[in-house]
Amino acid sequence: MLCLSATAALCLILAIDVAFAGSVLFNSNAIKNIPGVVSSTHAVSASPDELTLDSGTKNLALDTPQPVLCAADEECSEDEYCLVSRRACLQCKRRRKRCTRDAMCCPGNHCSNGLCTANDLDLVQQTGIEEVLASPTNEDNSTVEVQAKAPPQDVTQTLKGQEGDTCLRSSDCAEGFCCARHFWSRICKPVMREGQVCTKHKRKGSHGLEIFQRCDCAEGLSCRTQRGEQHNSKAARSLHTCQRH
């Protein structure tokens, strides 16, 4: 009787051990087979910045060009200015390009009447000559041909302002034009020819008060009262035209 009880107890212990081992084996397999868990055979990226594309791996953080941010013109290079609205450095503007301040114009220029203007006319002429001489005849040949050199006087005349161009003085304008006031700016206007209406200045310097200023009469002409109108109306007597001496 005692032997049977011991045998039964031993069998019960063995049954419990087998059941526990089976439960552990089932749980181990269940963990390995949980959906959504990445197996050890899947490749893991070494860096979150590297993305696998069709052509391979590409580091977007290194290959994407970063814009130069700025808050003032001083933070940009010498030939750049800061566009505050975009907070980015942009290439400076050349002569006769629109501007709102001096820093927008390339070195050697300043902003005048909304356009980039050279600080010195002689510098502009020299720069224009150098650009003509330095321009290559084609992409494969960087040497300068003698035929490409233009005479300095022709380049100088080309750089002179034409009718309607902004100016600071009459020497900025081409031959046959003068620098005259037009509204609140000064532009190149043609000199008065024979028979054209002119302005007779009573005293020197009074033309500075005119909003629409006329040029003086051409060489060899003078601004005088219209001939044959001396005894007519006051309006006729006040009309002046360019006449020969």
C-alpha atoms as a PDB file:
ATOM      1  CA  MET A   1       0.000   0.000   0.000  1.00  0.00           C
ATOM      2  CA  LEU A   2       2.799   2.418   0.893  1.00  0.00           C
ATOM      3  CA  CYS A   3       4.631   1.454  -2.281  1.00  0.00           C
ATOM      4  CA  LEU A   4       1.619   2.267  -4.420  1.00  0.00           C
ATOM      5  CA  SER A   5       1.265   5.706  -2.801  1.00  0.00           C
ATOM      6  CA  ALA A   6       4.930   6.538  -3.441  1.00  0.00           C
ATOM      7  CA  THR A   7       4.635   5.400  -7.038  1.00  0.00           C
ATOM      8  CA  ALA A   8       1.545   7.555  -7.577  1.00  0.00           C
ATOM      9  CA  ALA A   9       3.264  10.613  -6.082  1.00  0.00           C
ATOM     10  CA  LEU A  10       6.298  10.089  -8.324  1.00  0.00           C
ATOM     11  CA  CYS A  11       4.089   9.835 -11.412  1.00  0.00           C
ATOM     12  CA  LEU A  12       2.267  13.050 -10.429  1.00  0.00           C
ATOM     13  CA  ILE A  13       5.578  14.924 -10.084  1.00  0.00           C
ATOM     14  CA  LEU A  14       6.746  13.687 -13.497  1.00  0.00           C
ATOM     15  CA  ALA A  15       3.451  14.772 -15.084  1.00  0.00           C
ATOM     16  CA  ILE A  16       3.767  18.284 -13.609  1.00  0.00           C
ATOM     17  CA  ASP A  17       7.373  18.621 -14.922  1.00  0.00           C
ATOM     18  CA  VAL A  18       6.351  17.553 -18.420  1.00  0.00           C
ATOM     19  CA  ALA A  19       3.441  20.025 -18.457  1.00  0.00           C
ATOM     20  CA  PHE A  20       5.672  22.915 -17.282  1.00  0.00           C
ATOM     21  CA  ALA A  21       8.327  22.146 -19.898  1.00  0.00           C
ATOM     22  CA  GLY A  22       5.694  22.104 -22.639  1.00  0.00           C
ATOM     23  CA  SER A  23       4.326  25.429 -21.513  1.00  0.00           C
ATOM     24  CA  VAL A  24       7.784  27.018 -21.617  1.00  0.00           C
ATOM     25  CA  LEU A  25       8.424  25.606 -25.088  1.00  0.00           C
ATOM     26  CA  PHE A  26       5.082  26.950 -26.331  1.00  0.00           C
ATOM     27  CA  ASN A  27       5.739  30.424 -24.913  1.00  0.00           C
ATOM     28  CA  SER A  28       9.224  30.505 -26.467  1.00  0.00           C
ATOM     29  CA  ASN A  29       7.825  29.660 -29.875  1.00  0.00           C
ATOM     30  CA  ALA A  30       5.013  32.189 -29.452  1.00  0.00           C
ATOM     31  CA  ILE A  31       7.488  35.033 -28.838  1.00  0.00           C
ATOM     32  CA  LYS A  32       9.441  34.135 -31.978  1.00  0.00           C
ATOM     33  CA  ASN A  33       6.287  34.120 -34.086  1.00  0.00           C
ATOM     34  CA  ILE A  34       4.667  37.384 -32.875  1.00  0.00           C
ATOM     35  CA  PRO A  35       3.455  39.322 -35.987  1.00  0.00           C
ATOM     36  CA  GLY A  36       5.111  42.668 -36.647  1.00  0.00           C
ATOM     37  CA  VAL A  37       8.412  41.839 -34.946  1.00  0.00           C
ATOM     38  CA  VAL A  38      11.421  42.254 -37.261  1.00  0.00           C
ATOM     39  CA  SER A  39      13.480  39.113 -37.476  1.00  0.00           C
ATOM     40  CA  SER A  40      17.220  39.124 -37.032  1.00  0.00           C
ATOM     41  CA  THR A  41      17.712  38.517 -40.772  1.00  0.00           C
ATOM     42  CA  HIS A  42      16.333  41.972 -41.703  1.00  0.00           C
ATOM     43  CA  ALA A  43      18.963  44.652 -42.447  1.00  0.00           C
ATOM     44  CA  VAL A  44      18.947  47.663 -40.133  1.00  0.00           C
ATOM     45  CA  SER A  45      20.217  51.028 -41.341  1.00  0.00           C
ATOM     46  CA  ALA A  46      23.349  52.156 -39.567  1.00  0.00           C
ATOM     47  CA  SER A  47      22.251  55.787 -39.633  1.00  0.00           C
ATOM     48  CA  PRO A  48      18.760  57.370 -39.757  1.00  0.00           C
ATOM     49  CA  ASP A  49      20.087  59.932 -42.272  1.00  0.00           C
ATOM     50  CA  GLU A  50      20.833  57.258 -44.890  1.00  0.00           C
ATOM     51  CA  LEU A  51      17.897  56.163 -47.049  1.00  0.00           C
ATOM     52  CA  THR A  52      18.021  53.256 -49.508  1.00  0.00           C
ATOM     53  CA  LEU A  53      17.141  54.457 -53.015  1.00  0.00           C
ATOM     54  CA  ASP A  54      17.136  52.726 -56.373  1.00  0.00           C
ATOM     55  CA  SER A  55      20.723  53.808 -56.981  1.00  0.00           C
ATOM     56  CA  GLY A  56      21.917  52.805 -53.520  1.00  0.00           C
ATOM     57  CA  THR A  57      22.304  54.643 -50.251  1.00  0.00           C
ATOM     58  CA  LYS A  58      22.390  58.446 -50.262  1.00  0.00           C
ATOM     59  CA  ASN A  59      23.046  60.682 -47.309  1.00  0.00           C
ATOM     60  CA  LEU A  60      20.451  63.422 -47.754  1.00  0.00           C
ATOM     61  CA  ALA A  61      21.857  65.471 -44.887  1.00  0.00           C
ATOM     62  CA  LEU A  62      25.241  65.779 -46.636  1.00  0.00           C
ATOM     63  CA  ASP A  63      24.259  65.834 -50.336  1.00  0.00           C
ATOM     64  CA  THR A  64      21.518  68.514 -50.121  1.00  0.00           C
ATOM     65  CA  PRO A  65      23.048  72.043 -50.527  1.00  0.00           C
ATOM     66  CA  GLN A  66      22.266  74.293 -47.623  1.00  0.00           C
ATOM     67  CA  PRO A  67      21.392  77.979 -48.356  1.00  0.00           C
ATOM     68  CA  VAL A  68      23.529  80.671 -46.764  1.00  0.00           C
ATOM     69  CA  LEU A  69      21.278  82.306 -44.204  1.00  0.00           C
ATOM     70  CA  CYS A  70      21.746  85.917 -43.195  1.00  0.00           C
ATOM     71  CA  ALA A  71      20.116  88.728 -41.279  1.00  0.00           C
ATOM     72  CA  ALA A  72      22.289  91.626 -42.528  1.00  0.00           C
ATOM     73  CA  ASP A  73      24.478  92.473 -45.528  1.00  0.00           C
ATOM     74  CA  GLU A  74      27.618  92.184 -43.408  1.00  0.00           C
ATOM     75  CA  GLU A  75      27.043  88.432 -43.057  1.00  0.00           C
ATOM     76  CA  CYS A  76      27.373  87.887 -46.836  1.00  0.00           C
ATOM     77  CA  SER A  77      30.510  87.951 -48.991  1.00  0.00           C
ATOM     78  CA  GLU A  78      31.788  91.086 -50.708  1.00  0.00           C
ATOM     79  CA  ASP A  79      29.946  90.399 -53.987  1.00  0.00           C
ATOM     80  CA  GLU A  80      26.645  89.444 -52.305  1.00  0.00           C
ATOM     81  CA  TYR A  81      23.877  91.159 -50.382  1.00  0.00           C
ATOM     82  CA  CYS A  82      21.284  89.888 -47.897  1.00  0.00           C
ATOM     83  CA  LEU A  83      17.689  89.548 -49.105  1.00  0.00           C
ATOM     84  CA  VAL A  84      15.964  90.027 -45.753  1.00  0.00           C
ATOM     85  CA  SER A  85      12.599  88.676 -46.919  1.00  0.00           C
ATOM     86  CA  ARG A  86      14.211  85.292 -47.701  1.00  0.00           C
ATOM     87  CA  ARG A  87      17.073  85.628 -45.207  1.00  0.00           C
ATOM     88  CA  ALA A  88      19.498  84.469 -47.914  1.00  0.00           C
ATOM     89  CA  CYS A  89      22.619  85.891 -49.572  1.00  0.00           C
ATOM     90  CA  LEU A  90      22.169  86.736 -53.276  1.00  0.00           C
ATOM     91  CA  GLN A  91      24.587  87.829 -56.004  1.00  0.00           C
ATOM     92  CA  CYS A  92      25.153  91.593 -56.194  1.00  0.00           C
ATOM     93  CA  LYS A  93      23.569  93.650 -58.977  1.00  0.00           C
ATOM     94  CA  ARG A  94      25.547  95.180 -61.828  1.00  0.00           C
ATOM     95  CA  ARG A  95      25.314  98.701 -63.213  1.00  0.00           C
ATOM     96  CA  ARG A  96      21.860  99.911 -64.361  1.00  0.00           C
ATOM     97  CA  LYS A  97      20.077  97.117 -62.441  1.00  0.00           C
ATOM     98  CA  ARG A  98      17.261  98.047 -60.064  1.00  0.00           C
ATOM     99  CA  CYS A  99      18.136  98.480 -56.404  1.00  0.00           C
ATOM    100  CA  THR A 100      16.829  99.902 -53.145  1.00  0.00           C
ATOM    101  CA  ARG A 101      20.120 100.421 -51.267  1.00  0.00           C
ATOM    102  CA  ASP A 102      23.841 100.678 -51.918  1.00  0.00           C
ATOM    103  CA  ALA A 103      24.640  97.207 -50.536  1.00  0.00           C
ATOM    104  CA  MET A 104      22.668  95.568 -53.369  1.00  0.00           C
ATOM    105  CA  CYS A 105      25.078  96.961 -55.994  1.00  0.00           C
ATOM    106  CA  CYS A 106      28.402  95.314 -56.818  1.00  0.00           C
ATOM    107  CA  PRO A 107      31.610  96.902 -55.504  1.00  0.00           C
ATOM    108  CA  GLY A 108      32.394 100.196 -57.227  1.00  0.00           C
ATOM    109  CA  ASN A 109      28.710 101.096 -57.618  1.00  0.00           C
ATOM    110  CA  HIS A 110      26.022 102.747 -55.529  1.00  0.00           C
ATOM    111  CA  CYS A 111      22.217 102.907 -55.676  1.00  0.00           C
ATOM    112  CA  SER A 112      21.009 106.156 -57.271  1.00  0.00           C
ATOM    113  CA  ASN A 113      17.392 106.817 -58.258  1.00  0.00           C
ATOM    114  CA  GLY A 114      16.583 103.106 -57.985  1.00  0.00           C
ATOM    115  CA  LEU A 115      19.425 101.976 -60.293  1.00  0.00           C
ATOM    116  CA  CYS A 116      22.976 100.799 -59.618  1.00  0.00           C
ATOM    117  CA  THR A 117      25.322 103.569 -60.776  1.00  0.00           C
ATOM    118  CA  ALA A 118      29.109 103.627 -60.894  1.00  0.00           C
ATOM    119  CA  ASN A 119      30.888 105.657 -58.245  1.00  0.00           C
ATOM    120  CA  ASP A 120      33.334 107.018 -60.831  1.00  0.00           C
ATOM    121  CA  LEU A 121      32.640 107.368 -64.553  1.00  0.00           C
ATOM    122  CA  ASP A 122      36.310 106.759 -65.368  1.00  0.00           C
ATOM    123  CA  LEU A 123      36.082 103.474 -63.479  1.00  0.00           C
ATOM    124  CA  VAL A 124      33.061 102.454 -65.551  1.00  0.00           C
ATOM    125  CA  GLN A 125      34.869 103.218 -68.779  1.00  0.00           C
ATOM    126  CA  GLN A 126      37.927 101.244 -67.691  1.00  0.00           C
ATOM    127  CA  THR A 127      35.758  98.322 -66.551  1.00  0.00           C
ATOM    128  CA  GLY A 128      33.924  98.272 -69.870  1.00  0.00           C
ATOM    129  CA  ILE A 129      37.200  98.195 -71.796  1.00  0.00           C
ATOM    130  CA  GLU A 130      38.512  95.342 -69.650  1.00  0.00           C
ATOM    131  CA  GLU A 131      35.320  93.321 -70.184  1.00  0.00           C
ATOM    132  CA  VAL A 132      35.627  93.695 -73.963  1.00  0.00           C
ATOM    133  CA  LEU A 133      39.288  92.713 -73.952  1.00  0.00           C
ATOM    134  CA  ALA A 134      38.844  89.801 -71.542  1.00  0.00           C
ATOM    135  CA  SER A 135      35.833  88.179 -73.237  1.00  0.00           C
ATOM    136  CA  PRO A 136      36.945  84.962 -75.060  1.00  0.00           C
ATOM    137  CA  THR A 137      36.002  84.447 -78.711  1.00  0.00           C
ATOM    138  CA  ASN A 138      34.742  80.929 -77.927  1.00  0.00           C
ATOM    139  CA  GLU A 139      34.612  78.460 -75.066  1.00  0.00           C
ATOM    140  CA  ASP A 140      37.549  76.358 -76.280  1.00  0.00           C
ATOM    141  CA  ASN A 141      39.924  79.272 -76.839  1.00  0.00           C
ATOM    142  CA  SER A 142      40.517  81.583 -73.873  1.00  0.00           C
ATOM    143  CA  THR A 143      43.051  83.777 -75.694  1.00  0.00           C
ATOM    144  CA  VAL A 144      42.055  87.253 -76.767  1.00  0.00           C
ATOM    145  CA  GLU A 145      42.223  88.073 -80.444  1.00  0.00           C
ATOM    146  CA  VAL A 146      43.552  91.455 -81.492  1.00  0.00           C
ATOM    147  CA  GLN A 147      40.420  92.086 -83.586  1.00  0.00           C
ATOM    148  CA  ALA A 148      38.234  91.844 -80.475  1.00  0.00           C
ATOM    149  CA  LYS A 149      39.869  94.936 -78.965  1.00  0.00           C
ATOM    150  CA  ALA A 150      37.710  97.985 -79.462  1.00  0.00           C
ATOM    151  CA  PRO A 151      39.187 101.495 -79.437  1.00  0.00           C
ATOM    152  CA  PRO A 152      38.857 103.098 -75.996  1.00  0.00           C
ATOM    153  CA  GLN A 153      37.017 106.109 -77.378  1.00  0.00           C
ATOM    154  CA  ASP A 154      34.308 103.889 -78.928  1.00  0.00           C
ATOM    155  CA  VAL A 155      33.807 102.005 -75.677  1.00  0.00           C
ATOM    156  CA  THR A 156      33.660 105.276 -73.778  1.00  0.00           C
ATOM    157  CA  GLN A 157      31.009 106.630 -76.103  1.00  0.00           C
ATOM    158  CA  THR A 158      28.972 103.413 -75.818  1.00  0.00           C
ATOM    159  CA  LEU A 159      28.975 103.668 -72.037  1.00  0.00           C
ATOM    160  CA  LYS A 160      27.647 107.231 -72.127  1.00  0.00           C
ATOM    161  CA  GLY A 161      24.007 107.654 -71.167  1.00  0.00           C
ATOM    162  CA  GLN A 162      21.399 107.984 -73.906  1.00  0.00           C
ATOM    163  CA  GLU A 163      18.085 109.843 -73.803  1.00  0.00           C
ATOM    164  CA  GLY A 164      16.126 108.891 -70.693  1.00  0.00           C
ATOM    165  CA  ASP A 165      19.061 107.299 -68.841  1.00  0.00           C
ATOM    166  CA  THR A 166      19.688 108.436 -65.282  1.00  0.00           C
ATOM    167  CA  CYS A 167      22.694 110.674 -64.724  1.00  0.00           C
ATOM    168  CA  LEU A 168      24.460 112.834 -62.163  1.00  0.00           C
ATOM    169  CA  ARG A 169      26.111 115.358 -64.486  1.00  0.00           C
ATOM    170  CA  SER A 170      26.134 116.204 -68.191  1.00  0.00           C
ATOM    171  CA  SER A 171      29.445 114.373 -68.651  1.00  0.00           C
ATOM    172  CA  ASP A 172      27.559 111.136 -67.925  1.00  0.00           C
ATOM    173  CA  CYS A 173      25.487 111.624 -71.101  1.00  0.00           C
ATOM    174  CA  ALA A 174      26.478 111.007 -74.712  1.00  0.00           C
ATOM    175  CA  GLU A 175      27.286 113.820 -77.134  1.00  0.00           C
ATOM    176  CA  GLY A 176      24.240 115.928 -77.943  1.00  0.00           C
ATOM    177  CA  PHE A 177      22.617 115.356 -74.541  1.00  0.00           C
ATOM    178  CA  CYS A 178      22.748 117.065 -71.168  1.00  0.00           C
ATOM    179  CA  CYS A 179      21.824 115.969 -67.652  1.00  0.00           C
ATOM    180  CA  ALA A 180      18.587 117.795 -66.746  1.00  0.00           C
ATOM    181  CA  ARG A 181      16.050 117.488 -63.951  1.00  0.00           C
ATOM    182  CA  HIS A 182      12.891 115.467 -64.596  1.00  0.00           C
ATOM    183  CA  PHE A 183      10.548 115.336 -61.604  1.00  0.00           C
ATOM    184  CA  TRP A 184      12.780 114.400 -58.659  1.00  0.00           C
ATOM    185  CA  SER A 185      15.523 112.706 -60.677  1.00  0.00           C
ATOM    186  CA  ARG A 186      17.977 113.693 -63.384  1.00  0.00           C
ATOM    187  CA  ILE A 187      18.034 112.095 -66.843  1.00  0.00           C
ATOM    188  CA  CYS A 188      19.827 112.643 -70.145  1.00  0.00           C
ATOM    189  CA  LYS A 189      17.880 114.986 -72.439  1.00  0.00           C
ATOM    190  CA  PRO A 190      18.747 116.283 -75.943  1.00  0.00           C
ATOM    191  CA  VAL A 191      20.175 119.779 -76.273  1.00  0.00           C
ATOM    192  CA  MET A 192      17.922 122.359 -77.919  1.00  0.00           C
ATOM    193  CA  ARG A 193      18.289 122.830 -81.681  1.00  0.00           C
ATOM    194  CA  GLU A 194      17.658 125.916 -83.782  1.00  0.00           C
ATOM    195  CA  GLY A 195      14.020 127.012 -83.625  1.00  0.00           C
ATOM    196  CA  GLN A 196      13.162 124.900 -80.578  1.00  0.00           C
ATOM    197  CA  VAL A 197      11.652 126.522 -77.501  1.00  0.00           C
ATOM    198  CA  CYS A 198      14.206 127.193 -74.782  1.00  0.00           C
ATOM    199  CA  THR A 199      14.240 128.597 -71.272  1.00  0.00           C
ATOM    200  CA  LYS A 200      15.757 132.033 -70.744  1.00  0.00           C
ATOM    201  CA  HIS A 201      17.398 132.178 -67.327  1.00  0.00           C
ATOM    202  CA  LYS A 202      17.304 135.610 -65.754  1.00  0.00           C
ATOM    203  CA  ARG A 203      20.068 134.793 -63.341  1.00  0.00           C
ATOM    204  CA  LYS A 204      22.624 132.053 -63.138  1.00  0.00           C
ATOM    205  CA  GLY A 205      21.523 128.998 -61.184  1.00  0.00           C
ATOM    206  CA  SER A 206      17.782 129.693 -61.410  1.00  0.00           C
ATOM    207  CA  HIS A 207      17.245 126.588 -63.560  1.00  0.00           C
ATOM    208  CA  GLY A 208      17.781 124.450 -60.458  1.00  0.00           C
ATOM    209  CA  LEU A 209      14.196 125.220 -59.385  1.00  0.00           C
ATOM    210  CA  GLU A 210      12.635 123.714 -62.535  1.00  0.00           C
ATOM    211  CA  ILE A 211      10.896 120.343 -62.295  1.00  0.00           C
ATOM    212  CA  PHE A 212      11.039 119.757 -66.063  1.00  0.00           C
ATOM    213  CA  GLN A 213      14.362 121.285 -66.932  1.00  0.00           C
ATOM    214  CA  ARG A 214      15.393 121.877 -70.559  1.00  0.00           C
ATOM    215  CA  CYS A 215      18.911 121.624 -71.897  1.00  0.00           C
ATOM    216  CA  ASP A 216      20.660 124.740 -73.128  1.00  0.00           C
ATOM    217  CA  CYS A 217      20.821 125.577 -76.811  1.00  0.00           C
ATOM    218  CA  ALA A 218      23.380 123.749 -78.920  1.00  0.00           C
ATOM    219  CA  GLU A 219      26.760 125.293 -79.659  1.00  0.00           C
ATOM    220  CA  GLY A 220      26.490 128.391 -81.858  1.00  0.00           C
ATOM    221  CA  LEU A 221      22.921 129.131 -80.707  1.00  0.00           C
ATOM    222  CA  SER A 222      21.538 131.374 -77.992  1.00  0.00           C
ATOM    223  CA  CYS A 223      18.136 131.548 -76.283  1.00  0.00           C
ATOM    224  CA  ARG A 224      16.440 134.790 -77.390  1.00  0.00           C
ATOM    225  CA  THR A 225      12.968 136.235 -77.920  1.00  0.00           C
ATOM    226  CA  GLN A 226      11.215 134.967 -81.038  1.00  0.00           C
ATOM    227  CA  ARG A 227      12.127 137.238 -83.970  1.00  0.00           C
ATOM    228  CA  GLY A 228       9.334 139.375 -85.384  1.00  0.00           C
ATOM    229  CA  GLU A 229       7.231 139.020 -82.239  1.00  0.00           C
ATOM    230  CA  GLN A 230       8.583 142.018 -80.306  1.00  0.00           C
ATOM    231  CA  HIS A 231       5.415 144.110 -80.733  1.00  0.00           C
ATOM    232  CA  ASN A 232       2.828 141.377 -80.297  1.00  0.00           C
ATOM    233  CA  SER A 233       1.177 140.095 -77.149  1.00  0.00           C
ATOM    234  CA  LYS A 234       2.969 139.593 -73.856  1.00  0.00           C
ATOM    235  CA  ALA A 235       2.760 135.806 -74.293  1.00  0.00           C
ATOM    236  CA  ALA A 236       4.520 136.059 -77.641  1.00  0.00           C
ATOM    237  CA  ARG A 237       7.204 138.307 -76.197  1.00  0.00           C
ATOM    238  CA  SER A 238       7.882 135.760 -73.445  1.00  0.00           C
ATOM    239  CA  LEU A 239       8.467 132.952 -75.963  1.00  0.00           C
ATOM    240  CA  HIS A 240      12.147 132.193 -76.423  1.00  0.00           C
ATOM    241  CA  THR A 241      13.733 129.989 -79.070  1.00  0.00           C
ATOM    242  CA  CYS A 242      17.247 128.909 -79.939  1.00  0.00           C
ATOM    243  CA  GLN A 243      18.638 131.267 -82.579  1.00  0.00           C
ATOM    244  CA  ARG A 244      21.983 131.765 -84.243  1.00  0.00           C
ATOM    245  CA  HIS A 245      24.157 134.589 -82.992  1.00  0.00           C
END
